[in-house]
Amino acid sequence: MSSVRTELEDSLSTEVEFIPPGITGLSQPMDVAVMRTFKMHCRSLYVKYHLTHDFCSSAAERRRLITAIVVTAWSQIDPSVIRKGFIKAGLVPVGPREKDGSFRIDAPSKDIDTGDEVDEDEESN
């Protein structure tokens, strides 16, 4: 049986990252900076739509409408708001960078213990 992550990544050609528990306090500024504005845009678009249109009669129509609202609302978020939210939350990536500003990611050394290998002595216990 495939995991939800695998299913979403394979069927939607996207990467799924789950937020670990206990990060609420750290991410609160990001929530306020970005998500509050995003939700406000979603609500506004939803209300504006229904002022001139009937409610959707099927689940497929509702999914299409909500998808369109989410895409439009997200496009209305200024990228600087997102950057500032990450900075305020302390979620700022640091490390060596390439000339173009992207992060330099070195290939892992073969000497690094990833914890995946089991010692034969431990396996027999």
PDB file of N, CA and C in Angstrom:
ATOM      1  N   MET A   1       0.847  -1.175   0.000  1.00  0.00           N
ATOM      2  CA  MET A   1       0.000   0.000   0.000  1.00  0.00           C
ATOM      3  C   MET A   1       0.894   1.241   0.000  1.00  0.00           C
ATOM      4  N   SER A   2       0.612   2.180  -0.860  1.00  0.00           N
ATOM      5  CA  SER A   2       1.436   3.382  -0.939  1.00  0.00           C
ATOM      6  C   SER A   2       1.004   4.381   0.136  1.00  0.00           C
ATOM      7  N   SER A   3       1.932   5.229   0.508  1.00  0.00           N
ATOM      8  CA  SER A   3       1.635   6.243   1.515  1.00  0.00           C
ATOM      9  C   SER A   3       0.917   7.419   0.859  1.00  0.00           C
ATOM     10  N   VAL A   4       0.309   8.246   1.689  1.00  0.00           N
ATOM     11  CA  VAL A   4      -0.353   9.445   1.182  1.00  0.00           C
ATOM     12  C   VAL A   4       0.667  10.319   0.463  1.00  0.00           C
ATOM     13  N   ARG A   5       1.857  10.430   1.056  1.00  0.00           N
ATOM     14  CA  ARG A   5       2.914  11.246   0.452  1.00  0.00           C
ATOM     15  C   ARG A   5       3.246  10.738  -0.944  1.00  0.00           C
ATOM     16  N   THR A   6       3.478   9.428  -1.073  1.00  0.00           N
ATOM     17  CA  THR A   6       3.825   8.836  -2.366  1.00  0.00           C
ATOM     18  C   THR A   6       2.707   9.048  -3.369  1.00  0.00           C
ATOM     19  N   GLU A   7       1.486   8.829  -2.940  1.00  0.00           N
ATOM     20  CA  GLU A   7       0.333   8.985  -3.826  1.00  0.00           C
ATOM     21  C   GLU A   7       0.231  10.421  -4.343  1.00  0.00           C
ATOM     22  N   LEU A   8       0.356  11.387  -3.458  1.00  0.00           N
ATOM     23  CA  LEU A   8       0.269  12.788  -3.874  1.00  0.00           C
ATOM     24  C   LEU A   8       1.427  13.184  -4.779  1.00  0.00           C
ATOM     25  N   GLU A   9       2.634  12.745  -4.427  1.00  0.00           N
ATOM     26  CA  GLU A   9       3.796  13.110  -5.232  1.00  0.00           C
ATOM     27  C   GLU A   9       3.728  12.490  -6.619  1.00  0.00           C
ATOM     28  N   ASP A  10       3.287  11.232  -6.698  1.00  0.00           N
ATOM     29  CA  ASP A  10       3.218  10.555  -7.994  1.00  0.00           C
ATOM     30  C   ASP A  10       2.075  11.080  -8.853  1.00  0.00           C
ATOM     31  N   SER A  11       0.892  11.242  -8.264  1.00  0.00           N
ATOM     32  CA  SER A  11      -0.270  11.613  -9.068  1.00  0.00           C
ATOM     33  C   SER A  11      -0.331  13.110  -9.374  1.00  0.00           C
ATOM     34  N   LEU A  12       0.268  13.936  -8.528  1.00  0.00           N
ATOM     35  CA  LEU A  12       0.171  15.378  -8.728  1.00  0.00           C
ATOM     36  C   LEU A  12       1.490  16.036  -9.114  1.00  0.00           C
ATOM     37  N   SER A  13       2.525  15.226  -9.297  1.00  0.00           N
ATOM     38  CA  SER A  13       3.848  15.750  -9.663  1.00  0.00           C
ATOM     39  C   SER A  13       4.263  16.901  -8.749  1.00  0.00           C
ATOM     40  N   THR A  14       4.187  16.643  -7.459  1.00  0.00           N
ATOM     41  CA  THR A  14       4.544  17.658  -6.474  1.00  0.00           C
ATOM     42  C   THR A  14       5.339  17.028  -5.353  1.00  0.00           C
ATOM     43  N   GLU A  15       5.952  17.832  -4.535  1.00  0.00           N
ATOM     44  CA  GLU A  15       6.665  17.338  -3.366  1.00  0.00           C
ATOM     45  C   GLU A  15       5.840  17.665  -2.132  1.00  0.00           C
ATOM     46  N   VAL A  16       5.669  16.704  -1.254  1.00  0.00           N
ATOM     47  CA  VAL A  16       4.885  16.887  -0.043  1.00  0.00           C
ATOM     48  C   VAL A  16       5.822  16.913   1.153  1.00  0.00           C
ATOM     49  N   GLU A  17       5.683  17.918   1.966  1.00  0.00           N
ATOM     50  CA  GLU A  17       6.450  18.012   3.206  1.00  0.00           C
ATOM     51  C   GLU A  17       5.463  18.192   4.343  1.00  0.00           C
ATOM     52  N   PHE A  18       5.565  17.349   5.351  1.00  0.00           N
ATOM     53  CA  PHE A  18       4.694  17.457   6.504  1.00  0.00           C
ATOM     54  C   PHE A  18       5.367  18.317   7.560  1.00  0.00           C
ATOM     55  N   ILE A  19       4.586  19.137   8.219  1.00  0.00           N
ATOM     56  CA  ILE A  19       5.115  20.010   9.259  1.00  0.00           C
ATOM     57  C   ILE A  19       5.155  19.225  10.560  1.00  0.00           C
ATOM     58  N   PRO A  20       6.314  19.160  11.193  1.00  0.00           N
ATOM     59  CA  PRO A  20       6.433  18.377  12.421  1.00  0.00           C
ATOM     60  C   PRO A  20       5.655  19.009  13.569  1.00  0.00           C
ATOM     61  N   PRO A  21       5.230  18.186  14.531  1.00  0.00           N
ATOM     62  CA  PRO A  21       4.522  18.737  15.689  1.00  0.00           C
ATOM     63  C   PRO A  21       5.443  19.641  16.506  1.00  0.00           C
ATOM     64  N   GLY A  22       4.846  20.591  17.201  1.00  0.00           N
ATOM     65  CA  GLY A  22       5.610  21.471  18.068  1.00  0.00           C
ATOM     66  C   GLY A  22       6.237  22.660  17.379  1.00  0.00           C
ATOM     67  N   ILE A  23       5.902  22.889  16.122  1.00  0.00           N
ATOM     68  CA  ILE A  23       6.522  24.001  15.390  1.00  0.00           C
ATOM     69  C   ILE A  23       5.615  25.236  15.358  1.00  0.00           C
ATOM     70  N   THR A  24       4.443  25.135  15.970  1.00  0.00           N
ATOM     71  CA  THR A  24       3.476  26.228  15.909  1.00  0.00           C
ATOM     72  C   THR A  24       4.063  27.556  16.369  1.00  0.00           C
ATOM     73  N   GLY A  25       4.738  27.559  17.507  1.00  0.00           N
ATOM     74  CA  GLY A  25       5.307  28.806  18.018  1.00  0.00           C
ATOM     75  C   GLY A  25       6.329  29.406  17.081  1.00  0.00           C
ATOM     76  N   LEU A  26       7.127  28.558  16.463  1.00  0.00           N
ATOM     77  CA  LEU A  26       8.155  29.025  15.540  1.00  0.00           C
ATOM     78  C   LEU A  26       7.536  29.587  14.266  1.00  0.00           C
ATOM     79  N   SER A  27       6.474  28.952  13.805  1.00  0.00           N
ATOM     80  CA  SER A  27       5.890  29.346  12.523  1.00  0.00           C
ATOM     81  C   SER A  27       4.787  30.389  12.657  1.00  0.00           C
ATOM     82  N   GLN A  28       4.445  30.801  13.866  1.00  0.00           N
ATOM     83  CA  GLN A  28       3.354  31.756  14.064  1.00  0.00           C
ATOM     84  C   GLN A  28       3.509  33.038  13.247  1.00  0.00           C
ATOM     85  N   PRO A  29       4.678  33.674  13.212  1.00  0.00           N
ATOM     86  CA  PRO A  29       4.792  34.890  12.391  1.00  0.00           C
ATOM     87  C   PRO A  29       4.510  34.618  10.913  1.00  0.00           C
ATOM     88  N   MET A  30       4.908  33.452  10.421  1.00  0.00           N
ATOM     89  CA  MET A  30       4.641  33.088   9.029  1.00  0.00           C
ATOM     90  C   MET A  30       3.138  32.938   8.820  1.00  0.00           C
ATOM     91  N   ASP A  31       2.475  32.325   9.803  1.00  0.00           N
ATOM     92  CA  ASP A  31       1.029  32.132   9.721  1.00  0.00           C
ATOM     93  C   ASP A  31       0.333  33.486   9.645  1.00  0.00           C
ATOM     94  N   VAL A  32       0.745  34.404  10.481  1.00  0.00           N
ATOM     95  CA  VAL A  32       0.129  35.726  10.506  1.00  0.00           C
ATOM     96  C   VAL A  32       0.464  36.506   9.241  1.00  0.00           C
ATOM     97  N   ALA A  33       1.718  36.472   8.832  1.00  0.00           N
ATOM     98  CA  ALA A  33       2.150  37.274   7.687  1.00  0.00           C
ATOM     99  C   ALA A  33       1.536  36.813   6.376  1.00  0.00           C
ATOM    100  N   VAL A  34       1.492  35.525   6.159  1.00  0.00           N
ATOM    101  CA  VAL A  34       1.075  35.017   4.855  1.00  0.00           C
ATOM    102  C   VAL A  34      -0.337  34.435   4.878  1.00  0.00           C
ATOM    103  N   MET A  35      -0.587  33.523   5.790  1.00  0.00           N
ATOM    104  CA  MET A  35      -1.849  32.793   5.750  1.00  0.00           C
ATOM    105  C   MET A  35      -3.054  33.680   6.050  1.00  0.00           C
ATOM    106  N   ARG A  36      -2.900  34.649   6.934  1.00  0.00           N
ATOM    107  CA  ARG A  36      -4.024  35.550   7.221  1.00  0.00           C
ATOM    108  C   ARG A  36      -4.433  36.284   5.944  1.00  0.00           C
ATOM    109  N   THR A  37      -3.451  36.809   5.222  1.00  0.00           N
ATOM    110  CA  THR A  37      -3.728  37.525   3.976  1.00  0.00           C
ATOM    111  C   THR A  37      -4.299  36.583   2.924  1.00  0.00           C
ATOM    112  N   PHE A  38      -3.726  35.386   2.822  1.00  0.00           N
ATOM    113  CA  PHE A  38      -4.204  34.392   1.859  1.00  0.00           C
ATOM    114  C   PHE A  38      -5.666  34.033   2.137  1.00  0.00           C
ATOM    115  N   LYS A  39      -5.992  33.761   3.391  1.00  0.00           N
ATOM    116  CA  LYS A  39      -7.373  33.400   3.755  1.00  0.00           C
ATOM    117  C   LYS A  39      -8.329  34.561   3.488  1.00  0.00           C
ATOM    118  N   MET A  40      -7.876  35.781   3.744  1.00  0.00           N
ATOM    119  CA  MET A  40      -8.697  36.957   3.479  1.00  0.00           C
ATOM    120  C   MET A  40      -9.027  37.041   1.984  1.00  0.00           C
ATOM    121  N   HIS A  41      -8.021  36.818   1.137  1.00  0.00           N
ATOM    122  CA  HIS A  41      -8.252  36.828  -0.311  1.00  0.00           C
ATOM    123  C   HIS A  41      -9.219  35.711  -0.712  1.00  0.00           C
ATOM    124  N   CYS A  42      -9.043  34.526  -0.142  1.00  0.00           N
ATOM    125  CA  CYS A  42      -9.935  33.395  -0.456  1.00  0.00           C
ATOM    126  C   CYS A  42     -11.381  33.729  -0.107  1.00  0.00           C
ATOM    127  N   ARG A  43     -11.595  34.249   1.101  1.00  0.00           N
ATOM    128  CA  ARG A  43     -12.961  34.598   1.526  1.00  0.00           C
ATOM    129  C   ARG A  43     -13.570  35.649   0.605  1.00  0.00           C
ATOM    130  N   SER A  44     -12.795  36.662   0.276  1.00  0.00           N
ATOM    131  CA  SER A  44     -13.284  37.734  -0.583  1.00  0.00           C
ATOM    132  C   SER A  44     -13.673  37.204  -1.965  1.00  0.00           C
ATOM    133  N   LEU A  45     -12.817  36.381  -2.546  1.00  0.00           N
ATOM    134  CA  LEU A  45     -13.114  35.804  -3.865  1.00  0.00           C
ATOM    135  C   LEU A  45     -14.340  34.901  -3.813  1.00  0.00           C
ATOM    136  N   TYR A  46     -14.470  34.131  -2.731  1.00  0.00           N
ATOM    137  CA  TYR A  46     -15.610  33.224  -2.570  1.00  0.00           C
ATOM    138  C   TYR A  46     -16.911  34.025  -2.498  1.00  0.00           C
ATOM    139  N   VAL A  47     -16.922  35.075  -1.693  1.00  0.00           N
ATOM    140  CA  VAL A  47     -18.124  35.904  -1.548  1.00  0.00           C
ATOM    141  C   VAL A  47     -18.451  36.594  -2.869  1.00  0.00           C
ATOM    142  N   LYS A  48     -17.444  37.183  -3.521  1.00  0.00           N
ATOM    143  CA  LYS A  48     -17.683  37.859  -4.799  1.00  0.00           C
ATOM    144  C   LYS A  48     -18.268  36.902  -5.835  1.00  0.00           C
ATOM    145  N   TYR A  49     -17.760  35.676  -5.862  1.00  0.00           N
ATOM    146  CA  TYR A  49     -18.263  34.686  -6.817  1.00  0.00           C
ATOM    147  C   TYR A  49     -19.745  34.419  -6.558  1.00  0.00           C
ATOM    148  N   HIS A  50     -20.095  34.209  -5.284  1.00  0.00           N
ATOM    149  CA  HIS A  50     -21.468  33.824  -4.959  1.00  0.00           C
ATOM    150  C   HIS A  50     -22.455  34.986  -4.975  1.00  0.00           C
ATOM    151  N   LEU A  51     -21.979  36.205  -5.115  1.00  0.00           N
ATOM    152  CA  LEU A  51     -22.897  37.326  -5.288  1.00  0.00           C
ATOM    153  C   LEU A  51     -23.571  37.269  -6.655  1.00  0.00           C
ATOM    154  N   THR A  52     -22.895  36.649  -7.618  1.00  0.00           N
ATOM    155  CA  THR A  52     -23.444  36.602  -8.981  1.00  0.00           C
ATOM    156  C   THR A  52     -23.655  35.185  -9.508  1.00  0.00           C
ATOM    157  N   HIS A  53     -23.293  34.162  -8.719  1.00  0.00           N
ATOM    158  CA  HIS A  53     -23.438  32.774  -9.159  1.00  0.00           C
ATOM    159  C   HIS A  53     -24.137  31.948  -8.083  1.00  0.00           C
ATOM    160  N   ASP A  54     -24.834  30.906  -8.526  1.00  0.00           N
ATOM    161  CA  ASP A  54     -25.440  29.966  -7.586  1.00  0.00           C
ATOM    162  C   ASP A  54     -24.353  29.108  -6.959  1.00  0.00           C
ATOM    163  N   PHE A  55     -24.710  28.449  -5.847  1.00  0.00           N
ATOM    164  CA  PHE A  55     -23.774  27.522  -5.224  1.00  0.00           C
ATOM    165  C   PHE A  55     -23.591  26.308  -6.126  1.00  0.00           C
ATOM    166  N   CYS A  56     -22.431  25.722  -6.085  1.00  0.00           N
ATOM    167  CA  CYS A  56     -22.117  24.562  -6.922  1.00  0.00           C
ATOM    168  C   CYS A  56     -23.023  23.396  -6.547  1.00  0.00           C
ATOM    169  N   SER A  57     -23.418  22.640  -7.560  1.00  0.00           N
ATOM    170  CA  SER A  57     -24.337  21.528  -7.308  1.00  0.00           C
ATOM    171  C   SER A  57     -23.630  20.186  -7.196  1.00  0.00           C
ATOM    172  N   SER A  58     -22.363  20.126  -7.520  1.00  0.00           N
ATOM    173  CA  SER A  58     -21.648  18.847  -7.424  1.00  0.00           C
ATOM    174  C   SER A  58     -20.283  19.053  -6.765  1.00  0.00           C
ATOM    175  N   ALA A  59     -19.746  17.959  -6.266  1.00  0.00           N
ATOM    176  CA  ALA A  59     -18.423  18.008  -5.633  1.00  0.00           C
ATOM    177  C   ALA A  59     -17.355  18.431  -6.643  1.00  0.00           C
ATOM    178  N   ALA A  60     -17.474  17.957  -7.871  1.00  0.00           N
ATOM    179  CA  ALA A  60     -16.488  18.306  -8.903  1.00  0.00           C
ATOM    180  C   ALA A  60     -16.499  19.815  -9.176  1.00  0.00           C
ATOM    181  N   GLU A  61     -17.695  20.407  -9.243  1.00  0.00           N
ATOM    182  CA  GLU A  61     -17.792  21.854  -9.457  1.00  0.00           C
ATOM    183  C   GLU A  61     -17.198  22.619  -8.278  1.00  0.00           C
ATOM    184  N   ARG A  62     -17.471  22.149  -7.045  1.00  0.00           N
ATOM    185  CA  ARG A  62     -16.912  22.799  -5.854  1.00  0.00           C
ATOM    186  C   ARG A  62     -15.387  22.730  -5.862  1.00  0.00           C
ATOM    187  N   ARG A  63     -14.840  21.570  -6.246  1.00  0.00           N
ATOM    188  CA  ARG A  63     -13.379  21.426  -6.306  1.00  0.00           C
ATOM    189  C   ARG A  63     -12.779  22.386  -7.327  1.00  0.00           C
ATOM    190  N   ARG A  64     -13.408  22.500  -8.488  1.00  0.00           N
ATOM    191  CA  ARG A  64     -12.914  23.421  -9.517  1.00  0.00           C
ATOM    192  C   ARG A  64     -12.955  24.869  -9.018  1.00  0.00           C
ATOM    193  N   LEU A  65     -14.062  25.234  -8.370  1.00  0.00           N
ATOM    194  CA  LEU A  65     -14.203  26.596  -7.858  1.00  0.00           C
ATOM    195  C   LEU A  65     -13.152  26.887  -6.788  1.00  0.00           C
ATOM    196  N   ILE A  66     -13.026  25.996  -5.817  1.00  0.00           N
ATOM    197  CA  ILE A  66     -12.062  26.210  -4.732  1.00  0.00           C
ATOM    198  C   ILE A  66     -10.638  26.245  -5.280  1.00  0.00           C
ATOM    199  N   THR A  67     -10.339  25.387  -6.244  1.00  0.00           N
ATOM    200  CA  THR A  67      -9.004  25.391  -6.852  1.00  0.00           C
ATOM    201  C   THR A  67      -8.729  26.738  -7.518  1.00  0.00           C
ATOM    202  N   ALA A  68      -9.696  27.238  -8.264  1.00  0.00           N
ATOM    203  CA  ALA A  68      -9.529  28.536  -8.932  1.00  0.00           C
ATOM    204  C   ALA A  68      -9.355  29.655  -7.908  1.00  0.00           C
ATOM    205  N   ILE A  69     -10.113  29.592  -6.818  1.00  0.00           N
ATOM    206  CA  ILE A  69     -10.002  30.607  -5.770  1.00  0.00           C
ATOM    207  C   ILE A  69      -8.622  30.564  -5.128  1.00  0.00           C
ATOM    208  N   VAL A  70      -8.144  29.355  -4.803  1.00  0.00           N
ATOM    209  CA  VAL A  70      -6.832  29.211  -4.163  1.00  0.00           C
ATOM    210  C   VAL A  70      -5.723  29.731  -5.076  1.00  0.00           C
ATOM    211  N   VAL A  71      -5.779  29.371  -6.349  1.00  0.00           N
ATOM    212  CA  VAL A  71      -4.753  29.827  -7.299  1.00  0.00           C
ATOM    213  C   VAL A  71      -4.759  31.353  -7.399  1.00  0.00           C
ATOM    214  N   THR A  72      -5.943  31.934  -7.526  1.00  0.00           N
ATOM    215  CA  THR A  72      -6.047  33.391  -7.643  1.00  0.00           C
ATOM    216  C   THR A  72      -5.593  34.083  -6.358  1.00  0.00           C
ATOM    217  N   ALA A  73      -6.052  33.569  -5.212  1.00  0.00           N
ATOM    218  CA  ALA A  73      -5.681  34.178  -3.927  1.00  0.00           C
ATOM    219  C   ALA A  73      -4.178  34.105  -3.703  1.00  0.00           C
ATOM    220  N   TRP A  74      -3.582  32.957  -4.025  1.00  0.00           N
ATOM    221  CA  TRP A  74      -2.134  32.818  -3.822  1.00  0.00           C
ATOM    222  C   TRP A  74      -1.364  33.773  -4.732  1.00  0.00           C
ATOM    223  N   SER A  75      -1.849  33.974  -5.952  1.00  0.00           N
ATOM    224  CA  SER A  75      -1.153  34.878  -6.878  1.00  0.00           C
ATOM    225  C   SER A  75      -1.228  36.328  -6.407  1.00  0.00           C
ATOM    226  N   GLN A  76      -2.170  36.636  -5.523  1.00  0.00           N
ATOM    227  CA  GLN A  76      -2.308  37.992  -5.002  1.00  0.00           C
ATOM    228  C   GLN A  76      -1.386  38.271  -3.808  1.00  0.00           C
ATOM    229  N   ILE A  77      -0.711  37.239  -3.307  1.00  0.00           N
ATOM    230  CA  ILE A  77       0.222  37.420  -2.193  1.00  0.00           C
ATOM    231  C   ILE A  77       1.542  37.938  -2.753  1.00  0.00           C
ATOM    232  N   ASP A  78       1.966  39.079  -2.274  1.00  0.00           N
ATOM    233  CA  ASP A  78       3.229  39.666  -2.727  1.00  0.00           C
ATOM    234  C   ASP A  78       4.391  38.813  -2.215  1.00  0.00           C
ATOM    235  N   PRO A  79       5.315  38.416  -3.089  1.00  0.00           N
ATOM    236  CA  PRO A  79       6.456  37.598  -2.660  1.00  0.00           C
ATOM    237  C   PRO A  79       7.252  38.205  -1.502  1.00  0.00           C
ATOM    238  N   SER A  80       7.279  39.527  -1.408  1.00  0.00           N
ATOM    239  CA  SER A  80       8.014  40.151  -0.302  1.00  0.00           C
ATOM    240  C   SER A  80       7.357  39.840   1.041  1.00  0.00           C
ATOM    241  N   VAL A  81       6.039  39.665   1.052  1.00  0.00           N
ATOM    242  CA  VAL A  81       5.332  39.300   2.285  1.00  0.00           C
ATOM    243  C   VAL A  81       5.775  37.910   2.737  1.00  0.00           C
ATOM    244  N   ILE A  82       5.931  37.007   1.784  1.00  0.00           N
ATOM    245  CA  ILE A  82       6.370  35.645   2.103  1.00  0.00           C
ATOM    246  C   ILE A  82       7.794  35.674   2.653  1.00  0.00           C
ATOM    247  N   ARG A  83       8.678  36.399   1.981  1.00  0.00           N
ATOM    248  CA  ARG A  83      10.068  36.501   2.457  1.00  0.00           C
ATOM    249  C   ARG A  83      10.124  37.082   3.865  1.00  0.00           C
ATOM    250  N   LYS A  84       9.397  38.164   4.088  1.00  0.00           N
ATOM    251  CA  LYS A  84       9.398  38.806   5.408  1.00  0.00           C
ATOM    252  C   LYS A  84       8.826  37.871   6.473  1.00  0.00           C
ATOM    253  N   GLY A  85       7.814  37.077   6.109  1.00  0.00           N
ATOM    254  CA  GLY A  85       7.241  36.122   7.058  1.00  0.00           C
ATOM    255  C   GLY A  85       8.247  35.069   7.469  1.00  0.00           C
ATOM    256  N   PHE A  86       9.006  34.553   6.502  1.00  0.00           N
ATOM    257  CA  PHE A  86      10.043  33.568   6.818  1.00  0.00           C
ATOM    258  C   PHE A  86      11.117  34.184   7.703  1.00  0.00           C
ATOM    259  N   ILE A  87      11.515  35.411   7.400  1.00  0.00           N
ATOM    260  CA  ILE A  87      12.551  36.079   8.192  1.00  0.00           C
ATOM    261  C   ILE A  87      12.068  36.303   9.619  1.00  0.00           C
ATOM    262  N   LYS A  88      10.842  36.802   9.765  1.00  0.00           N
ATOM    263  CA  LYS A  88      10.304  37.062  11.103  1.00  0.00           C
ATOM    264  C   LYS A  88      10.171  35.777  11.912  1.00  0.00           C
ATOM    265  N   ALA A  89       9.851  34.668  11.237  1.00  0.00           N
ATOM    266  CA  ALA A  89       9.713  33.379  11.924  1.00  0.00           C
ATOM    267  C   ALA A  89      11.067  32.750  12.228  1.00  0.00           C
ATOM    268  N   GLY A  90      12.125  33.344  11.707  1.00  0.00           N
ATOM    269  CA  GLY A  90      13.451  32.772  11.927  1.00  0.00           C
ATOM    270  C   GLY A  90      13.719  31.573  11.045  1.00  0.00           C
ATOM    271  N   LEU A  91      12.921  31.418  10.009  1.00  0.00           N
ATOM    272  CA  LEU A  91      13.072  30.293   9.084  1.00  0.00           C
ATOM    273  C   LEU A  91      13.878  30.751   7.875  1.00  0.00           C
ATOM    274  N   VAL A  92      15.109  31.136   8.138  1.00  0.00           N
ATOM    275  CA  VAL A  92      15.972  31.672   7.097  1.00  0.00           C
ATOM    276  C   VAL A  92      17.071  30.665   6.807  1.00  0.00           C
ATOM    277  N   PRO A  93      17.137  30.180   5.587  1.00  0.00           N
ATOM    278  CA  PRO A  93      18.179  29.207   5.255  1.00  0.00           C
ATOM    279  C   PRO A  93      19.555  29.859   5.237  1.00  0.00           C
ATOM    280  N   VAL A  94      20.502  29.145   5.797  1.00  0.00           N
ATOM    281  CA  VAL A  94      21.877  29.626   5.794  1.00  0.00           C
ATOM    282  C   VAL A  94      22.777  28.521   5.273  1.00  0.00           C
ATOM    283  N   GLY A  95      23.895  28.912   4.744  1.00  0.00           N
ATOM    284  CA  GLY A  95      24.837  27.922   4.250  1.00  0.00           C
ATOM    285  C   GLY A  95      25.535  28.417   3.005  1.00  0.00           C
ATOM    286  N   PRO A  96      26.449  27.605   2.491  1.00  0.00           N
ATOM    287  CA  PRO A  96      27.206  28.016   1.302  1.00  0.00           C
ATOM    288  C   PRO A  96      26.299  28.136   0.078  1.00  0.00           C
ATOM    289  N   ARG A  97      26.584  29.133  -0.735  1.00  0.00           N
ATOM    290  CA  ARG A  97      25.766  29.384  -1.924  1.00  0.00           C
ATOM    291  C   ARG A  97      26.622  29.399  -3.183  1.00  0.00           C
ATOM    292  N   GLU A  98      25.950  29.143  -4.293  1.00  0.00           N
ATOM    293  CA  GLU A  98      26.578  29.247  -5.606  1.00  0.00           C
ATOM    294  C   GLU A  98      26.568  30.721  -6.024  1.00  0.00           C
ATOM    295  N   LYS A  99      27.197  31.042  -7.150  1.00  0.00           N
ATOM    296  CA  LYS A  99      27.249  32.425  -7.627  1.00  0.00           C
ATOM    297  C   LYS A  99      25.862  32.991  -7.915  1.00  0.00           C
ATOM    298  N   ASP A 100      24.930  32.128  -8.346  1.00  0.00           N
ATOM    299  CA  ASP A 100      23.586  32.600  -8.673  1.00  0.00           C
ATOM    300  C   ASP A 100      22.696  32.761  -7.442  1.00  0.00           C
ATOM    301  N   GLY A 101      23.235  32.465  -6.251  1.00  0.00           N
ATOM    302  CA  GLY A 101      22.468  32.619  -5.020  1.00  0.00           C
ATOM    303  C   GLY A 101      21.823  31.344  -4.524  1.00  0.00           C
ATOM    304  N   SER A 102      21.783  30.306  -5.351  1.00  0.00           N
ATOM    305  CA  SER A 102      21.193  29.042  -4.912  1.00  0.00           C
ATOM    306  C   SER A 102      22.141  28.345  -3.939  1.00  0.00           C
ATOM    307  N   PHE A 103      21.582  27.472  -3.120  1.00  0.00           N
ATOM    308  CA  PHE A 103      22.400  26.772  -2.138  1.00  0.00           C
ATOM    309  C   PHE A 103      23.260  25.707  -2.788  1.00  0.00           C
ATOM    310  N   ARG A 104      24.491  25.627  -2.322  1.00  0.00           N
ATOM    311  CA  ARG A 104      25.397  24.588  -2.792  1.00  0.00           C
ATOM    312  C   ARG A 104      25.122  23.345  -1.959  1.00  0.00           C
ATOM    313  N   ILE A 105      24.830  22.270  -2.639  1.00  0.00           N
ATOM    314  CA  ILE A 105      24.556  21.007  -1.967  1.00  0.00           C
ATOM    315  C   ILE A 105      25.601  20.013  -2.424  1.00  0.00           C
ATOM    316  N   ASP A 106      26.462  19.645  -1.506  1.00  0.00           N
ATOM    317  CA  ASP A 106      27.507  18.685  -1.818  1.00  0.00           C
ATOM    318  C   ASP A 106      26.949  17.272  -1.726  1.00  0.00           C
ATOM    319  N   ALA A 107      27.461  16.394  -2.581  1.00  0.00           N
ATOM    320  CA  ALA A 107      27.051  14.987  -2.534  1.00  0.00           C
ATOM    321  C   ALA A 107      27.484  14.403  -1.196  1.00  0.00           C
ATOM    322  N   PRO A 108      26.623  13.575  -0.581  1.00  0.00           N
ATOM    323  CA  PRO A 108      26.990  12.992   0.707  1.00  0.00           C
ATOM    324  C   PRO A 108      28.209  12.088   0.581  1.00  0.00           C
ATOM    325  N   SER A 109      29.030  12.125   1.597  1.00  0.00           N
ATOM    326  CA  SER A 109      30.220  11.285   1.635  1.00  0.00           C
ATOM    327  C   SER A 109      29.814   9.845   1.901  1.00  0.00           C
ATOM    328  N   LYS A 110      30.531   8.908   1.318  1.00  0.00           N
ATOM    329  CA  LYS A 110      30.231   7.492   1.545  1.00  0.00           C
ATOM    330  C   LYS A 110      30.590   7.080   2.965  1.00  0.00           C
ATOM    331  N   ASP A 111      31.386   7.906   3.653  1.00  0.00           N
ATOM    332  CA  ASP A 111      31.804   7.597   5.019  1.00  0.00           C
ATOM    333  C   ASP A 111      30.741   7.967   6.053  1.00  0.00           C
ATOM    334  N   ILE A 112      29.716   8.691   5.638  1.00  0.00           N
ATOM    335  CA  ILE A 112      28.701   9.146   6.580  1.00  0.00           C
ATOM    336  C   ILE A 112      27.768   7.998   6.929  1.00  0.00           C
ATOM    337  N   ASP A 113      27.549   7.800   8.228  1.00  0.00           N
ATOM    338  CA  ASP A 113      26.641   6.762   8.705  1.00  0.00           C
ATOM    339  C   ASP A 113      25.224   7.331   8.688  1.00  0.00           C
ATOM    340  N   THR A 114      24.376   6.778   7.837  1.00  0.00           N
ATOM    341  CA  THR A 114      23.004   7.249   7.735  1.00  0.00           C
ATOM    342  C   THR A 114      22.077   6.539   8.691  1.00  0.00           C
ATOM    343  N   GLY A 115      22.564   5.513   9.368  1.00  0.00           N
ATOM    344  CA  GLY A 115      21.726   4.770  10.302  1.00  0.00           C
ATOM    345  C   GLY A 115      20.878   3.717   9.630  1.00  0.00           C
ATOM    346  N   ASP A 116      20.978   3.597   8.311  1.00  0.00           N
ATOM    347  CA  ASP A 116      20.174   2.620   7.581  1.00  0.00           C
ATOM    348  C   ASP A 116      20.771   1.226   7.635  1.00  0.00           C
ATOM    349  N   GLU A 117      22.078   1.156   7.792  1.00  0.00           N
ATOM    350  CA  GLU A 117      22.738  -0.142   7.778  1.00  0.00           C
ATOM    351  C   GLU A 117      22.708  -0.750   9.175  1.00  0.00           C
ATOM    352  N   VAL A 118      22.503  -2.058   9.235  1.00  0.00           N
ATOM    353  CA  VAL A 118      22.445  -2.761  10.507  1.00  0.00           C
ATOM    354  C   VAL A 118      23.671  -3.643  10.623  1.00  0.00           C
ATOM    355  N   ASP A 119      24.338  -3.555  11.763  1.00  0.00           N
ATOM    356  CA  ASP A 119      25.507  -4.380  12.036  1.00  0.00           C
ATOM    357  C   ASP A 119      25.052  -5.832  12.139  1.00  0.00           C
ATOM    358  N   GLU A 120      25.803  -6.755  11.540  1.00  0.00           N
ATOM    359  CA  GLU A 120      25.421  -8.171  11.548  1.00  0.00           C
ATOM    360  C   GLU A 120      25.285  -8.704  12.962  1.00  0.00           C
ATOM    361  N   ASP A 121      26.130  -8.244  13.902  1.00  0.00           N
ATOM    362  CA  ASP A 121      26.041  -8.686  15.292  1.00  0.00           C
ATOM    363  C   ASP A 121      24.731  -8.230  15.923  1.00  0.00           C
ATOM    364  N   GLU A 122      24.304  -6.988  15.608  1.00  0.00           N
ATOM    365  CA  GLU A 122      23.054  -6.469  16.149  1.00  0.00           C
ATOM    366  C   GLU A 122      21.863  -7.185  15.548  1.00  0.00           C
ATOM    367  N   GLU A 123      21.960  -7.559  14.274  1.00  0.00           N
ATOM    368  CA  GLU A 123      20.861  -8.203  13.575  1.00  0.00           C
ATOM    369  C   GLU A 123      20.534  -9.560  14.176  1.00  0.00           C
ATOM    370  N   SER A 124      21.541 -10.282  14.669  1.00  0.00           N
ATOM    371  CA  SER A 124      21.315 -11.622  15.207  1.00  0.00           C
ATOM    372  C   SER A 124      20.725 -11.575  16.611  1.00  0.00           C
ATOM    373  N   ASN A 125      20.772 -10.422  17.283  1.00  0.00           N
ATOM    374  CA  ASN A 125      20.235 -10.308  18.655  1.00  0.00           C
ATOM    375  C   ASN A 125      18.769 -10.114  18.668  1.00  0.00           C
TER     376      ASN A 125
END
